[in-house]
């Protein structure tokens, strides 16, 4: 069986329309069979839905607003994201969550907006794609209080202490690793790799950001996912083929794409 890779988190809306065909062609050539292009604003969410509808089986969309902009979110924007989430091209709600690193706005506002997206995801029966930085205890506390368990979703760009990852797993979440796990100074991230069991591990590029070590300094894209996959496989003591198979199976199951030939109707 040929190698199949699934990129659970990339930002294809940040790729120019002129460059996009080349990016997608290189992804296919690099054995990427699926990717989710992530909504970080209402405008980005709309762009990703349109792209997913145009590109068919390779690209799916998520819709959401990044926690950095939580203080700018209006009730109308929440209604618009909710309406977008009903589109068949949309497989998840996100990128949403809590980020206390940059201290953008009031943390309580971030909590309120994340709660709204959490309720939306569960009402729409969509997995939630969670961004969490320097808010590990606060995130778990909110999810334990408000989520219906088990919670379908993932922690994007895994970070934090092992106890956070274990807590997220206990809630039902998957854990997605990005290219920064390959960086020389990322030992703390590498210590998380073997905390996650085979049935919950995922991989992502976060393209165009976080290009993995072999191509670090270049603009990242889904075609680079194999570098991260190979690195994680080595740390887990498994083959690349095994890591690719389990992460792709996990992604398809999480996003409701169990039939690999599924198309948007």
Protein backbone atom coordinates (compact mmCIF):
# COMPACT_ATOMS: atom_id res chain seq x y z
CA UNK A 1 0.00 0.00 0.00
CA UNK A 2 1.46 3.42 -0.90
CA UNK A 3 2.28 5.87 1.87
CA UNK A 4 -0.61 8.21 2.76
CA UNK A 5 -0.23 11.33 4.91
CA UNK A 6 -2.90 13.66 6.29
CA UNK A 7 -2.14 17.26 7.29
CA UNK A 8 -4.60 18.16 10.04
CA UNK A 9 -3.69 21.86 10.21
CA UNK A 10 -2.48 24.21 7.48
CA UNK A 11 -3.34 27.72 6.33
CA UNK A 12 -3.83 27.45 2.58
CA UNK A 13 -5.76 30.72 2.57
CA UNK A 14 -2.37 32.41 3.16
CA UNK A 15 -1.06 30.96 -0.11
CA UNK A 16 -1.65 33.25 -3.08
CA UNK A 17 -4.08 31.99 -5.68
CA UNK A 18 -1.25 31.99 -8.21
CA UNK A 19 0.90 29.73 -6.01
CA UNK A 20 -1.89 27.48 -4.75
CA UNK A 21 -1.99 24.99 -7.66
CA UNK A 22 1.73 24.32 -7.26
CA UNK A 23 1.41 23.87 -3.50
CA UNK A 24 -1.41 21.37 -3.93
CA UNK A 25 0.38 19.54 -6.74
CA UNK A 26 3.50 19.15 -4.60
CA UNK A 27 1.35 17.92 -1.71
CA UNK A 28 -0.15 15.18 -3.87
CA UNK A 29 3.31 14.21 -5.15
CA UNK A 30 4.49 13.94 -1.52
CA UNK A 31 1.72 11.45 -0.66
CA UNK A 32 -0.51 13.94 1.16
CA UNK A 33 -4.03 12.58 0.67
CA UNK A 34 -5.87 15.15 2.78
CA UNK A 35 -5.42 18.45 4.57
CA UNK A 36 -7.58 20.77 6.61
CA UNK A 37 -7.20 24.47 5.84
CA UNK A 38 -7.83 26.38 9.03
CA UNK A 39 -10.12 29.30 9.73
CA UNK A 40 -8.56 32.01 11.90
CA UNK A 41 -11.03 34.78 11.03
CA UNK A 42 -14.41 35.06 9.37
CA UNK A 43 -12.74 36.09 6.11
CA UNK A 44 -10.25 33.20 6.23
CA UNK A 45 -13.04 30.78 7.06
CA UNK A 46 -15.02 31.88 4.02
CA UNK A 47 -11.93 31.57 1.81
CA UNK A 48 -11.20 28.08 3.09
CA UNK A 49 -14.76 26.88 2.51
CA UNK A 50 -14.66 28.16 -1.07
CA UNK A 51 -11.28 26.50 -1.62
CA UNK A 52 -12.42 23.18 -0.17
CA UNK A 53 -15.47 23.14 -2.41
CA UNK A 54 -13.25 23.81 -5.43
CA UNK A 55 -10.51 21.32 -4.62
CA UNK A 56 -12.60 18.26 -3.78
CA UNK A 57 -11.20 15.41 -1.74
CA UNK A 58 -7.71 16.81 -1.02
CA UNK A 59 -8.77 19.93 0.93
CA UNK A 60 -11.32 20.29 3.69
CA UNK A 61 -12.04 23.43 5.71
CA UNK A 62 -12.41 24.42 9.32
CA UNK A 63 -14.08 27.63 10.46
CA UNK A 64 -13.30 29.73 13.50
CA UNK A 65 -11.55 32.79 14.91
CA UNK A 66 -8.10 32.68 16.49
CA UNK A 67 -7.97 33.45 20.23
CA UNK A 68 -5.63 36.39 19.58
CA UNK A 69 -8.68 38.16 18.12
CA UNK A 70 -11.24 37.02 20.68
CA UNK A 71 -11.64 40.57 21.97
CA UNK A 72 -12.79 41.65 18.49
CA UNK A 73 -15.40 38.92 17.98
CA UNK A 74 -19.00 40.10 17.59
CA UNK A 75 -22.21 38.17 18.02
CA UNK A 76 -22.84 38.57 14.29
CA UNK A 77 -19.47 36.97 13.52
CA UNK A 78 -20.36 34.03 15.73
CA UNK A 79 -23.64 33.63 13.86
CA UNK A 80 -21.82 33.82 10.53
CA UNK A 81 -19.26 31.18 11.58
CA UNK A 82 -22.09 28.98 12.81
CA UNK A 83 -23.85 29.24 9.46
CA UNK A 84 -20.62 28.46 7.60
CA UNK A 85 -20.04 25.40 9.76
CA UNK A 86 -23.08 23.71 8.21
CA UNK A 87 -21.38 23.58 4.81
CA UNK A 88 -20.43 20.01 3.75
CA UNK A 89 -16.89 21.22 3.02
CA UNK A 90 -16.41 22.03 6.72
CA UNK A 91 -15.08 19.21 8.88
CA UNK A 92 -14.25 21.10 12.11
CA UNK A 93 -14.55 24.24 14.21
CA UNK A 94 -11.24 26.00 14.70
CA UNK A 95 -8.68 27.42 15.18
CA UNK A 96 -10.12 28.41 18.54
CA UNK A 97 -8.89 28.21 22.10
CA UNK A 98 -6.95 30.11 24.74
CA UNK A 99 -3.62 31.93 24.35
CA UNK A 100 -2.29 33.77 27.38
CA UNK A 101 1.28 34.08 25.99
CA UNK A 102 0.82 37.42 24.26
CA UNK A 103 -1.82 38.62 26.72
CA UNK A 104 -3.98 39.96 23.90
CA UNK A 105 -7.12 41.31 25.51
CA UNK A 106 -8.92 40.03 28.58
CA UNK A 107 -8.47 36.29 29.38
CA UNK A 108 -12.10 36.17 30.46
CA UNK A 109 -13.15 37.35 26.99
CA UNK A 110 -11.05 34.56 25.48
CA UNK A 111 -12.80 32.08 27.75
CA UNK A 112 -16.24 33.40 26.78
CA UNK A 113 -15.54 33.22 23.04
CA UNK A 114 -13.96 29.78 23.31
CA UNK A 115 -17.01 28.59 25.26
CA UNK A 116 -19.23 29.82 22.43
CA UNK A 117 -17.17 27.92 19.85
CA UNK A 118 -17.13 24.81 22.02
CA UNK A 119 -20.92 24.87 22.27
CA UNK A 120 -21.14 25.44 18.51
CA UNK A 121 -18.87 22.48 17.75
CA UNK A 122 -20.83 20.15 19.97
CA UNK A 123 -24.20 21.33 18.67
CA UNK A 124 -23.02 20.99 15.06
CA UNK A 125 -21.33 17.65 15.84
CA UNK A 126 -18.04 18.95 14.47
CA UNK A 127 -14.65 18.23 16.08
CA UNK A 128 -12.98 21.26 17.65
CA UNK A 129 -9.43 22.29 16.72
CA UNK A 130 -7.86 23.82 19.81
CA UNK A 131 -5.02 26.33 20.05
CA UNK A 132 -3.56 26.46 23.55
CA UNK A 133 -0.49 28.41 24.64
CA UNK A 134 0.40 29.24 28.23
CA UNK A 135 -3.19 28.48 29.23
CA UNK A 136 -2.95 24.76 29.89
CA UNK A 137 -4.70 24.57 33.26
CA UNK A 138 -7.33 27.12 32.24
CA UNK A 139 -8.17 25.18 29.09
CA UNK A 140 -8.57 21.85 30.85
CA UNK A 141 -10.66 23.47 33.58
CA UNK A 142 -13.04 24.98 31.02
CA UNK A 143 -13.35 21.77 29.02
CA UNK A 144 -14.00 19.67 32.11
CA UNK A 145 -16.73 22.07 33.17
CA UNK A 146 -18.46 22.61 29.83
CA UNK A 147 -17.73 19.87 27.30
CA UNK A 148 -19.85 16.81 26.70
CA UNK A 149 -17.43 13.89 26.89
CA UNK A 150 -15.77 12.26 25.11
CA UNK A 151 -14.87 15.45 23.26
CA UNK A 152 -14.16 15.11 19.54
CA UNK A 153 -11.26 17.31 18.53
CA UNK A 154 -7.55 17.88 18.76
CA UNK A 155 -4.87 19.94 20.42
CA UNK A 156 -3.09 21.67 17.55
CA UNK A 157 0.72 22.07 17.58
CA UNK A 158 1.19 20.03 20.75
CA UNK A 159 2.95 21.80 23.60
CA UNK A 160 2.82 22.13 27.35
CA UNK A 161 3.68 19.73 30.15
CA UNK A 162 2.97 15.99 29.84
CA UNK A 163 0.19 16.40 32.40
CA UNK A 164 -1.65 18.72 30.00
CA UNK A 165 -1.41 16.21 27.17
CA UNK A 166 -2.60 13.43 29.49
CA UNK A 167 -5.50 15.61 30.61
CA UNK A 168 -6.50 16.34 27.03
CA UNK A 169 -6.35 12.65 26.15
CA UNK A 170 -8.57 11.85 29.14
CA UNK A 171 -11.21 14.18 27.69
CA UNK A 172 -11.18 12.29 24.40
CA UNK A 173 -9.02 14.68 22.37
CA UNK A 174 -6.39 13.80 19.79
CA UNK A 175 -2.92 15.37 19.84
CA UNK A 176 -1.38 16.84 16.68
CA UNK A 177 2.37 17.40 16.31
CA UNK A 178 3.85 20.07 14.03
CA UNK A 179 7.28 20.68 12.50
CA UNK A 180 8.62 22.49 15.56
CA UNK A 181 9.06 19.09 17.22
CA UNK A 182 12.11 18.68 14.94
CA UNK A 183 13.85 21.86 16.12
CA UNK A 184 17.14 21.29 18.00
CA UNK A 185 15.94 23.18 21.10
CA UNK A 186 12.56 21.40 21.25
CA UNK A 187 13.42 18.64 23.70
CA UNK A 188 10.38 19.46 25.85
CA UNK A 189 8.12 18.90 22.82
CA UNK A 190 9.84 15.63 21.94
CA UNK A 191 9.11 14.35 25.44
CA UNK A 192 5.41 14.52 24.54
CA UNK A 193 5.70 12.27 21.48
CA UNK A 194 5.48 9.00 23.37
CA UNK A 195 2.76 10.21 25.75
CA UNK A 196 0.20 9.88 22.95
CA UNK A 197 -1.10 6.41 21.97
CA UNK A 198 -1.37 5.27 18.37
CA UNK A 199 -5.13 5.82 18.23
CA UNK A 200 -4.87 9.53 19.17
CA UNK A 201 -1.74 10.80 17.42
CA UNK A 202 -1.98 13.20 14.46
CA UNK A 203 0.47 15.25 12.39
CA UNK A 204 0.32 18.69 10.81
CA UNK A 205 2.42 21.32 9.08
CA UNK A 206 0.81 24.57 10.33
CA UNK A 207 1.97 25.79 6.91
CA UNK A 208 3.21 28.32 5.97
CA UNK A 209 4.68 28.40 9.48
CA UNK A 210 6.96 26.00 11.42
CA UNK A 211 8.83 24.36 8.54
CA UNK A 212 10.53 21.21 9.90
CA UNK A 213 14.27 21.10 10.41
CA UNK A 214 15.35 19.81 6.97
CA UNK A 215 13.62 22.78 5.31
CA UNK A 216 13.67 25.22 8.22
CA UNK A 217 13.81 28.81 7.10
CA UNK A 218 11.74 28.10 4.01
CA UNK A 219 8.04 28.71 3.60
CA UNK A 220 6.29 25.61 4.92
CA UNK A 221 3.68 23.69 2.90
CA UNK A 222 1.81 20.37 3.16
CA UNK A 223 4.43 18.64 0.98
CA UNK A 224 6.86 18.96 3.90
CA UNK A 225 4.69 16.83 6.18
CA UNK A 226 6.77 13.70 5.50
CA UNK A 227 9.79 15.24 7.26
CA UNK A 228 7.82 15.64 10.48
CA UNK A 229 6.22 12.22 10.11
CA UNK A 230 9.59 10.51 9.69
CA UNK A 231 11.01 12.32 12.71
CA UNK A 232 8.08 11.40 14.95
CA UNK A 233 8.17 7.80 13.75
CA UNK A 234 11.83 7.56 14.71
CA UNK A 235 11.14 8.91 18.19
CA UNK A 236 8.25 6.49 18.63
CA UNK A 237 10.38 3.57 17.52
CA UNK A 238 8.08 2.78 14.60
CA UNK A 239 8.35 2.82 10.84
CA UNK A 240 7.28 5.79 8.77
CA UNK A 241 4.73 3.50 7.10
CA UNK A 242 3.14 2.65 10.46
CA UNK A 243 3.09 6.26 11.65
CA UNK A 244 1.56 7.41 8.36
CA UNK A 245 -1.09 4.70 8.48
CA UNK A 246 -2.24 5.38 12.04
CA UNK A 247 -2.23 9.18 11.76
CA UNK A 248 -4.12 9.14 8.47
CA UNK A 249 -6.64 6.66 9.84
CA UNK A 250 -7.09 8.80 12.95
CA UNK A 251 -7.60 11.95 10.89
CA UNK A 252 -10.14 10.37 8.60
CA UNK A 253 -12.08 8.98 11.54
CA UNK A 254 -12.00 12.29 13.45
CA UNK A 255 -13.13 14.34 10.45
CA UNK A 256 -15.75 11.87 9.28
CA UNK A 257 -13.82 10.92 6.15
CA UNK A 258 -13.65 7.18 6.70
CA UNK A 259 -14.26 6.57 3.00
CA UNK A 260 -10.99 7.70 1.40
CA UNK A 261 -12.83 8.47 -1.83
CA UNK A 262 -15.37 10.72 -0.10
CA UNK A 263 -16.18 13.89 -2.01
CA UNK A 264 -18.13 17.00 -1.09
CA UNK A 265 -21.75 16.95 -2.20
